[in-house]
Protein backbone atom coordinates (compact mmCIF):
# COMPACT_ATOMS: atom_id res chain seq x y z
CA UNK A 1 0.00 0.00 0.00
CA UNK A 2 1.55 3.34 -1.04
CA UNK A 3 1.90 5.97 1.63
CA UNK A 4 0.49 9.42 0.95
CA UNK A 5 1.03 12.69 2.70
CA UNK A 6 -1.97 13.64 4.83
CA UNK A 7 -2.71 17.04 6.34
CA UNK A 8 -5.45 17.74 8.85
CA UNK A 9 -6.65 21.34 8.90
CA UNK A 10 -8.89 22.30 11.81
CA UNK A 11 -12.15 24.10 11.10
CA UNK A 12 -10.99 26.88 13.41
CA UNK A 13 -7.92 27.57 11.22
CA UNK A 14 -8.12 30.85 9.31
CA UNK A 15 -7.25 29.09 6.02
CA UNK A 16 -9.97 26.44 6.40
CA UNK A 17 -12.66 28.23 4.36
CA UNK A 18 -10.48 29.18 1.36
CA UNK A 19 -9.05 25.66 1.23
CA UNK A 20 -12.54 24.16 1.42
CA UNK A 21 -13.79 26.48 -1.33
CA UNK A 22 -10.81 25.61 -3.55
CA UNK A 23 -11.36 21.88 -3.03
CA UNK A 24 -15.07 22.26 -3.81
CA UNK A 25 -14.32 24.23 -7.00
CA UNK A 26 -11.65 21.71 -7.99
CA UNK A 27 -14.08 18.82 -7.62
CA UNK A 28 -16.69 20.59 -9.77
CA UNK A 29 -14.10 21.45 -12.41
CA UNK A 30 -12.98 17.80 -12.51
CA UNK A 31 -16.57 16.59 -12.88
CA UNK A 32 -17.32 19.15 -15.61
CA UNK A 33 -14.21 18.15 -17.57
CA UNK A 34 -15.06 14.45 -17.32
CA UNK A 35 -18.64 15.13 -18.38
CA UNK A 36 -17.47 17.15 -21.39
CA UNK A 37 -14.98 14.44 -22.36
CA UNK A 38 -17.69 11.77 -22.15
CA UNK A 39 -20.02 13.89 -24.28
CA UNK A 40 -17.38 14.52 -26.96
CA UNK A 41 -16.36 10.85 -26.97
CA UNK A 42 -20.00 9.86 -27.52
CA UNK A 43 -20.40 12.39 -30.32
CA UNK A 44 -17.27 11.15 -32.09
CA UNK A 45 -18.34 7.54 -31.63
CA UNK A 46 -21.78 8.21 -33.13
CA UNK A 47 -20.19 10.12 -36.01
CA UNK A 48 -17.83 7.23 -36.75
CA UNK A 49 -20.71 4.74 -36.74
CA UNK A 50 -22.65 6.89 -39.21
CA UNK A 51 -19.60 7.32 -41.44
CA UNK A 52 -18.62 3.65 -41.52
CA UNK A 53 -21.76 1.59 -41.50
CA UNK A 54 -21.90 -2.07 -42.49
CA UNK A 55 -22.23 -1.33 -46.22
CA UNK A 56 -19.21 0.96 -46.42
CA UNK A 57 -17.13 -1.54 -44.43
CA UNK A 58 -18.08 -4.23 -46.97
CA UNK A 59 -17.13 -1.98 -49.87
CA UNK A 60 -13.80 -1.20 -48.28
CA UNK A 61 -13.08 -4.90 -47.88
CA UNK A 62 -14.02 -5.58 -51.50
CA UNK A 63 -11.84 -2.69 -52.69
CA UNK A 64 -8.92 -3.98 -50.62
CA UNK A 65 -9.29 -7.47 -52.08
CA UNK A 66 -9.41 -6.07 -55.62
CA UNK A 67 -6.26 -4.04 -54.94
CA UNK A 68 -4.47 -7.11 -53.62
CA UNK A 69 -5.55 -9.26 -56.56
CA UNK A 70 -4.81 -6.63 -59.21
CA UNK A 71 -1.00 -7.07 -59.33
CA UNK A 72 -1.44 -10.84 -59.83
CA UNK A 73 -3.76 -10.24 -62.78
CA UNK A 74 -1.16 -7.99 -64.48
CA UNK A 75 1.59 -10.63 -64.37
PDB file of N, CA and C in Angstrom:
ATOM      1  N   UNK A   1       0.843  -1.173   0.000  1.00  0.00           N
ATOM      2  CA  UNK A   1       0.000   0.000   0.000  1.00  0.00           C
ATOM      3  C   UNK A   1       0.893   1.243   0.000  1.00  0.00           C
ATOM      4  N   UNK A   2       0.708   2.136  -0.998  1.00  0.00           N
ATOM      5  CA  UNK A   2       1.548   3.338  -1.041  1.00  0.00           C
ATOM      6  C   UNK A   2       1.165   4.322   0.062  1.00  0.00           C
ATOM      7  N   UNK A   3       2.144   4.961   0.613  1.00  0.00           N
ATOM      8  CA  UNK A   3       1.898   5.968   1.632  1.00  0.00           C
ATOM      9  C   UNK A   3       1.690   7.318   0.969  1.00  0.00           C
ATOM     10  N   UNK A   4       0.756   8.084   1.481  1.00  0.00           N
ATOM     11  CA  UNK A   4       0.491   9.416   0.949  1.00  0.00           C
ATOM     12  C   UNK A   4       0.608  10.426   2.085  1.00  0.00           C
ATOM     13  N   UNK A   5       0.935  11.631   1.711  1.00  0.00           N
ATOM     14  CA  UNK A   5       1.026  12.691   2.699  1.00  0.00           C
ATOM     15  C   UNK A   5      -0.383  13.141   3.067  1.00  0.00           C
ATOM     16  N   UNK A   6      -0.628  13.318   4.351  1.00  0.00           N
ATOM     17  CA  UNK A   6      -1.968  13.641   4.829  1.00  0.00           C
ATOM     18  C   UNK A   6      -1.885  14.835   5.766  1.00  0.00           C
ATOM     19  N   UNK A   7      -2.676  15.847   5.486  1.00  0.00           N
ATOM     20  CA  UNK A   7      -2.711  17.036   6.345  1.00  0.00           C
ATOM     21  C   UNK A   7      -4.108  17.196   6.921  1.00  0.00           C
ATOM     22  N   UNK A   8      -4.168  17.483   8.192  1.00  0.00           N
ATOM     23  CA  UNK A   8      -5.446  17.742   8.848  1.00  0.00           C
ATOM     24  C   UNK A   8      -5.485  19.227   9.180  1.00  0.00           C
ATOM     25  N   UNK A   9      -6.496  19.914   8.656  1.00  0.00           N
ATOM     26  CA  UNK A   9      -6.654  21.344   8.895  1.00  0.00           C
ATOM     27  C   UNK A   9      -7.912  21.525   9.743  1.00  0.00           C
ATOM     28  N   UNK A  10      -7.758  22.105  10.884  1.00  0.00           N
ATOM     29  CA  UNK A  10      -8.886  22.300  11.805  1.00  0.00           C
ATOM     30  C   UNK A  10      -9.862  23.311  11.234  1.00  0.00           C
ATOM     31  N   UNK A  11     -11.129  23.161  11.570  1.00  0.00           N
ATOM     32  CA  UNK A  11     -12.154  24.096  11.099  1.00  0.00           C
ATOM     33  C   UNK A  11     -11.930  25.496  11.676  1.00  0.00           C
ATOM     34  N   UNK A  12     -11.235  25.573  12.780  1.00  0.00           N
ATOM     35  CA  UNK A  12     -10.989  26.883  13.407  1.00  0.00           C
ATOM     36  C   UNK A  12      -9.813  27.611  12.765  1.00  0.00           C
ATOM     37  N   UNK A  13      -9.066  26.933  11.885  1.00  0.00           N
ATOM     38  CA  UNK A  13      -7.922  27.566  11.217  1.00  0.00           C
ATOM     39  C   UNK A  13      -8.429  28.646  10.258  1.00  0.00           C
ATOM     40  N   UNK A  14      -7.687  29.728  10.148  1.00  0.00           N
ATOM     41  CA  UNK A  14      -8.116  30.849   9.306  1.00  0.00           C
ATOM     42  C   UNK A  14      -8.106  30.496   7.809  1.00  0.00           C
ATOM     43  N   UNK A  15      -7.348  29.483   7.433  1.00  0.00           N
ATOM     44  CA  UNK A  15      -7.252  29.087   6.022  1.00  0.00           C
ATOM     45  C   UNK A  15      -8.242  27.979   5.658  1.00  0.00           C
ATOM     46  N   UNK A  16      -9.053  27.560   6.619  1.00  0.00           N
ATOM     47  CA  UNK A  16      -9.966  26.444   6.401  1.00  0.00           C
ATOM     48  C   UNK A  16     -10.994  26.746   5.304  1.00  0.00           C
ATOM     49  N   UNK A  17     -11.614  27.894   5.353  1.00  0.00           N
ATOM     50  CA  UNK A  17     -12.662  28.228   4.364  1.00  0.00           C
ATOM     51  C   UNK A  17     -12.107  28.382   2.946  1.00  0.00           C
ATOM     52  N   UNK A  18     -11.007  29.104   2.732  1.00  0.00           N
ATOM     53  CA  UNK A  18     -10.482  29.180   1.357  1.00  0.00           C
ATOM     54  C   UNK A  18     -10.040  27.820   0.807  1.00  0.00           C
ATOM     55  N   UNK A  19      -9.468  26.997   1.679  1.00  0.00           N
ATOM     56  CA  UNK A  19      -9.046  25.657   1.230  1.00  0.00           C
ATOM     57  C   UNK A  19     -10.269  24.825   0.870  1.00  0.00           C
ATOM     58  N   UNK A  20     -11.314  24.899   1.681  1.00  0.00           N
ATOM     59  CA  UNK A  20     -12.545  24.159   1.423  1.00  0.00           C
ATOM     60  C   UNK A  20     -13.192  24.630   0.118  1.00  0.00           C
ATOM     61  N   UNK A  21     -13.211  25.939  -0.094  1.00  0.00           N
ATOM     62  CA  UNK A  21     -13.792  26.480  -1.331  1.00  0.00           C
ATOM     63  C   UNK A  21     -12.992  26.043  -2.555  1.00  0.00           C
ATOM     64  N   UNK A  22     -11.659  26.039  -2.432  1.00  0.00           N
ATOM     65  CA  UNK A  22     -10.813  25.611  -3.554  1.00  0.00           C
ATOM     66  C   UNK A  22     -11.021  24.129  -3.854  1.00  0.00           C
ATOM     67  N   UNK A  23     -11.129  23.311  -2.824  1.00  0.00           N
ATOM     68  CA  UNK A  23     -11.360  21.876  -3.026  1.00  0.00           C
ATOM     69  C   UNK A  23     -12.718  21.634  -3.678  1.00  0.00           C
ATOM     70  N   UNK A  24     -13.734  22.380  -3.241  1.00  0.00           N
ATOM     71  CA  UNK A  24     -15.073  22.256  -3.811  1.00  0.00           C
ATOM     72  C   UNK A  24     -15.063  22.641  -5.286  1.00  0.00           C
ATOM     73  N   UNK A  25     -14.410  23.780  -5.612  1.00  0.00           N
ATOM     74  CA  UNK A  25     -14.324  24.231  -7.005  1.00  0.00           C
ATOM     75  C   UNK A  25     -13.526  23.237  -7.851  1.00  0.00           C
ATOM     76  N   UNK A  26     -12.479  22.683  -7.274  1.00  0.00           N
ATOM     77  CA  UNK A  26     -11.654  21.714  -7.994  1.00  0.00           C
ATOM     78  C   UNK A  26     -12.459  20.467  -8.336  1.00  0.00           C
ATOM     79  N   UNK A  27     -13.264  20.010  -7.384  1.00  0.00           N
ATOM     80  CA  UNK A  27     -14.081  18.816  -7.623  1.00  0.00           C
ATOM     81  C   UNK A  27     -15.086  19.086  -8.745  1.00  0.00           C
ATOM     82  N   UNK A  28     -15.714  20.266  -8.724  1.00  0.00           N
ATOM     83  CA  UNK A  28     -16.691  20.591  -9.766  1.00  0.00           C
ATOM     84  C   UNK A  28     -16.017  20.758 -11.136  1.00  0.00           C
ATOM     85  N   UNK A  29     -14.831  21.324 -11.153  1.00  0.00           N
ATOM     86  CA  UNK A  29     -14.097  21.449 -12.412  1.00  0.00           C
ATOM     87  C   UNK A  29     -13.748  20.077 -12.964  1.00  0.00           C
ATOM     88  N   UNK A  30     -13.318  19.173 -12.107  1.00  0.00           N
ATOM     89  CA  UNK A  30     -12.980  17.800 -12.505  1.00  0.00           C
ATOM     90  C   UNK A  30     -14.220  17.107 -13.085  1.00  0.00           C
ATOM     91  N   UNK A  31     -15.347  17.229 -12.402  1.00  0.00           N
ATOM     92  CA  UNK A  31     -16.573  16.588 -12.881  1.00  0.00           C
ATOM     93  C   UNK A  31     -17.037  17.194 -14.205  1.00  0.00           C
ATOM     94  N   UNK A  32     -16.921  18.502 -14.356  1.00  0.00           N
ATOM     95  CA  UNK A  32     -17.324  19.152 -15.606  1.00  0.00           C
ATOM     96  C   UNK A  32     -16.433  18.704 -16.766  1.00  0.00           C
ATOM     97  N   UNK A  33     -15.136  18.596 -16.519  1.00  0.00           N
ATOM     98  CA  UNK A  33     -14.212  18.151 -17.571  1.00  0.00           C
ATOM     99  C   UNK A  33     -14.500  16.712 -17.966  1.00  0.00           C
ATOM    100  N   UNK A  34     -14.743  15.844 -17.005  1.00  0.00           N
ATOM    101  CA  UNK A  34     -15.062  14.446 -17.320  1.00  0.00           C
ATOM    102  C   UNK A  34     -16.379  14.333 -18.073  1.00  0.00           C
ATOM    103  N   UNK A  35     -17.358  15.144 -17.696  1.00  0.00           N
ATOM    104  CA  UNK A  35     -18.643  15.130 -18.384  1.00  0.00           C
ATOM    105  C   UNK A  35     -18.480  15.586 -19.833  1.00  0.00           C
ATOM    106  N   UNK A  36     -17.713  16.640 -20.038  1.00  0.00           N
ATOM    107  CA  UNK A  36     -17.472  17.147 -21.385  1.00  0.00           C
ATOM    108  C   UNK A  36     -16.726  16.115 -22.228  1.00  0.00           C
ATOM    109  N   UNK A  37     -15.738  15.467 -21.639  1.00  0.00           N
ATOM    110  CA  UNK A  37     -14.980  14.440 -22.356  1.00  0.00           C
ATOM    111  C   UNK A  37     -15.882  13.268 -22.749  1.00  0.00           C
ATOM    112  N   UNK A  38     -16.755  12.862 -21.840  1.00  0.00           N
ATOM    113  CA  UNK A  38     -17.688  11.770 -22.152  1.00  0.00           C
ATOM    114  C   UNK A  38     -18.641  12.173 -23.271  1.00  0.00           C
ATOM    115  N   UNK A  39     -19.107  13.410 -23.250  1.00  0.00           N
ATOM    116  CA  UNK A  39     -20.019  13.886 -24.284  1.00  0.00           C
ATOM    117  C   UNK A  39     -19.332  13.921 -25.648  1.00  0.00           C
ATOM    118  N   UNK A  40     -18.126  14.436 -25.696  1.00  0.00           N
ATOM    119  CA  UNK A  40     -17.382  14.515 -26.956  1.00  0.00           C
ATOM    120  C   UNK A  40     -17.054  13.117 -27.471  1.00  0.00           C
ATOM    121  N   UNK A  41     -16.670  12.224 -26.574  1.00  0.00           N
ATOM    122  CA  UNK A  41     -16.365  10.852 -26.973  1.00  0.00           C
ATOM    123  C   UNK A  41     -17.595  10.187 -27.575  1.00  0.00           C
ATOM    124  N   UNK A  42     -18.753  10.411 -26.975  1.00  0.00           N
ATOM    125  CA  UNK A  42     -20.000   9.865 -27.515  1.00  0.00           C
ATOM    126  C   UNK A  42     -20.327  10.448 -28.876  1.00  0.00           C
ATOM    127  N   UNK A  43     -20.120  11.752 -29.030  1.00  0.00           N
ATOM    128  CA  UNK A  43     -20.399  12.391 -30.318  1.00  0.00           C
ATOM    129  C   UNK A  43     -19.490  11.835 -31.410  1.00  0.00           C
ATOM    130  N   UNK A  44     -18.214  11.681 -31.107  1.00  0.00           N
ATOM    131  CA  UNK A  44     -17.265  11.147 -32.095  1.00  0.00           C
ATOM    132  C   UNK A  44     -17.611   9.703 -32.421  1.00  0.00           C
ATOM    133  N   UNK A  45     -17.981   8.942 -31.406  1.00  0.00           N
ATOM    134  CA  UNK A  45     -18.339   7.545 -31.627  1.00  0.00           C
ATOM    135  C   UNK A  45     -19.556   7.431 -32.544  1.00  0.00           C
ATOM    136  N   UNK A  46     -20.586   8.246 -32.269  1.00  0.00           N
ATOM    137  CA  UNK A  46     -21.781   8.212 -33.133  1.00  0.00           C
ATOM    138  C   UNK A  46     -21.458   8.658 -34.547  1.00  0.00           C
ATOM    139  N   UNK A  47     -20.578   9.647 -34.686  1.00  0.00           N
ATOM    140  CA  UNK A  47     -20.190  10.125 -36.011  1.00  0.00           C
ATOM    141  C   UNK A  47     -19.467   9.021 -36.773  1.00  0.00           C
ATOM    142  N   UNK A  48     -18.573   8.307 -36.091  1.00  0.00           N
ATOM    143  CA  UNK A  48     -17.831   7.227 -36.754  1.00  0.00           C
ATOM    144  C   UNK A  48     -18.767   6.103 -37.185  1.00  0.00           C
ATOM    145  N   UNK A  49     -19.762   5.802 -36.375  1.00  0.00           N
ATOM    146  CA  UNK A  49     -20.709   4.743 -36.737  1.00  0.00           C
ATOM    147  C   UNK A  49     -21.496   5.152 -37.973  1.00  0.00           C
ATOM    148  N   UNK A  50     -21.914   6.436 -38.028  1.00  0.00           N
ATOM    149  CA  UNK A  50     -22.652   6.890 -39.210  1.00  0.00           C
ATOM    150  C   UNK A  50     -21.772   6.876 -40.449  1.00  0.00           C
ATOM    151  N   UNK A  51     -20.494   7.240 -40.291  1.00  0.00           N
ATOM    152  CA  UNK A  51     -19.599   7.322 -41.443  1.00  0.00           C
ATOM    153  C   UNK A  51     -19.184   5.943 -41.953  1.00  0.00           C
ATOM    154  N   UNK A  52     -19.094   4.974 -41.086  1.00  0.00           N
ATOM    155  CA  UNK A  52     -18.621   3.651 -41.520  1.00  0.00           C
ATOM    156  C   UNK A  52     -19.626   2.597 -41.099  1.00  0.00           C
ATOM    157  N   UNK A  53     -20.736   2.587 -41.779  1.00  0.00           N
ATOM    158  CA  UNK A  53     -21.760   1.591 -41.504  1.00  0.00           C
ATOM    159  C   UNK A  53     -21.370   0.250 -42.097  1.00  0.00           C
ATOM    160  N   UNK A  54     -22.216  -0.734 -41.972  1.00  0.00           N
ATOM    161  CA  UNK A  54     -21.904  -2.070 -42.486  1.00  0.00           C
ATOM    162  C   UNK A  54     -21.657  -2.094 -43.992  1.00  0.00           C
ATOM    163  N   UNK A  55     -22.415  -1.293 -44.766  1.00  0.00           N
ATOM    164  CA  UNK A  55     -22.225  -1.327 -46.221  1.00  0.00           C
ATOM    165  C   UNK A  55     -20.883  -0.745 -46.629  1.00  0.00           C
ATOM    166  N   UNK A  56     -20.485   0.365 -46.025  1.00  0.00           N
ATOM    167  CA  UNK A  56     -19.213   0.961 -46.421  1.00  0.00           C
ATOM    168  C   UNK A  56     -18.045   0.072 -45.989  1.00  0.00           C
ATOM    169  N   UNK A  57     -18.188  -0.625 -44.865  1.00  0.00           N
ATOM    170  CA  UNK A  57     -17.129  -1.536 -44.433  1.00  0.00           C
ATOM    171  C   UNK A  57     -16.986  -2.673 -45.438  1.00  0.00           C
ATOM    172  N   UNK A  58     -18.119  -3.159 -45.987  1.00  0.00           N
ATOM    173  CA  UNK A  58     -18.079  -4.228 -46.965  1.00  0.00           C
ATOM    174  C   UNK A  58     -17.410  -3.736 -48.251  1.00  0.00           C
ATOM    175  N   UNK A  59     -17.747  -2.526 -48.665  1.00  0.00           N
ATOM    176  CA  UNK A  59     -17.133  -1.979 -49.869  1.00  0.00           C
ATOM    177  C   UNK A  59     -15.633  -1.799 -49.691  1.00  0.00           C
ATOM    178  N   UNK A  60     -15.220  -1.363 -48.529  1.00  0.00           N
ATOM    179  CA  UNK A  60     -13.795  -1.197 -48.282  1.00  0.00           C
ATOM    180  C   UNK A  60     -13.072  -2.537 -48.359  1.00  0.00           C
ATOM    181  N   UNK A  61     -13.687  -3.572 -47.827  1.00  0.00           N
ATOM    182  CA  UNK A  61     -13.082  -4.900 -47.877  1.00  0.00           C
ATOM    183  C   UNK A  61     -12.982  -5.377 -49.320  1.00  0.00           C
ATOM    184  N   UNK A  62     -14.031  -5.170 -50.092  1.00  0.00           N
ATOM    185  CA  UNK A  62     -14.019  -5.582 -51.496  1.00  0.00           C
ATOM    186  C   UNK A  62     -12.960  -4.800 -52.273  1.00  0.00           C
ATOM    187  N   UNK A  63     -12.846  -3.509 -52.020  1.00  0.00           N
ATOM    188  CA  UNK A  63     -11.842  -2.689 -52.687  1.00  0.00           C
ATOM    189  C   UNK A  63     -10.441  -3.151 -52.336  1.00  0.00           C
ATOM    190  N   UNK A  64     -10.230  -3.494 -51.065  1.00  0.00           N
ATOM    191  CA  UNK A  64      -8.922  -3.979 -50.624  1.00  0.00           C
ATOM    192  C   UNK A  64      -8.577  -5.301 -51.313  1.00  0.00           C
ATOM    193  N   UNK A  65      -9.536  -6.193 -51.407  1.00  0.00           N
ATOM    194  CA  UNK A  65      -9.288  -7.467 -52.076  1.00  0.00           C
ATOM    195  C   UNK A  65      -8.979  -7.268 -53.557  1.00  0.00           C
ATOM    196  N   UNK A  66      -9.673  -6.357 -54.212  1.00  0.00           N
ATOM    197  CA  UNK A  66      -9.410  -6.071 -55.620  1.00  0.00           C
ATOM    198  C   UNK A  66      -8.001  -5.500 -55.788  1.00  0.00           C
ATOM    199  N   UNK A  67      -7.604  -4.632 -54.862  1.00  0.00           N
ATOM    200  CA  UNK A  67      -6.261  -4.044 -54.943  1.00  0.00           C
ATOM    201  C   UNK A  67      -5.188  -5.105 -54.725  1.00  0.00           C
ATOM    202  N   UNK A  68      -5.455  -6.050 -53.860  1.00  0.00           N
ATOM    203  CA  UNK A  68      -4.473  -7.109 -53.620  1.00  0.00           C
ATOM    204  C   UNK A  68      -4.393  -8.092 -54.791  1.00  0.00           C
ATOM    205  N   UNK A  69      -5.526  -8.324 -55.439  1.00  0.00           N
ATOM    206  CA  UNK A  69      -5.550  -9.262 -56.562  1.00  0.00           C
ATOM    207  C   UNK A  69      -5.097  -8.628 -57.874  1.00  0.00           C
ATOM    208  N   UNK A  70      -5.151  -7.321 -57.983  1.00  0.00           N
ATOM    209  CA  UNK A  70      -4.811  -6.625 -59.215  1.00  0.00           C
ATOM    210  C   UNK A  70      -3.375  -6.882 -59.676  1.00  0.00           C
ATOM    211  N   UNK A  71      -2.360  -6.821 -58.840  1.00  0.00           N
ATOM    212  CA  UNK A  71      -0.998  -7.075 -59.333  1.00  0.00           C
ATOM    213  C   UNK A  71      -0.825  -8.489 -59.894  1.00  0.00           C
ATOM    214  N   UNK A  72      -1.542  -9.463 -59.324  1.00  0.00           N
ATOM    215  CA  UNK A  72      -1.438 -10.839 -59.828  1.00  0.00           C
ATOM    216  C   UNK A  72      -2.049 -10.940 -61.230  1.00  0.00           C
ATOM    217  N   UNK A  73      -3.101 -10.196 -61.494  1.00  0.00           N
ATOM    218  CA  UNK A  73      -3.762 -10.243 -62.782  1.00  0.00           C
ATOM    219  C   UNK A  73      -2.874  -9.627 -63.863  1.00  0.00           C
ATOM    220  N   UNK A  74      -2.029  -8.651 -63.490  1.00  0.00           N
ATOM    221  CA  UNK A  74      -1.165  -7.992 -64.476  1.00  0.00           C
ATOM    222  C   UNK A  74      -0.054  -8.923 -64.927  1.00  0.00           C
ATOM    223  N   UNK A  75       0.473  -9.735 -64.031  1.00  0.00           N
ATOM    224  CA  UNK A  75       1.590 -10.630 -64.373  1.00  0.00           C
ATOM    225  C   UNK A  75       1.189 -11.611 -65.358  1.00  0.00           C
TER     226      UNK A  75
END
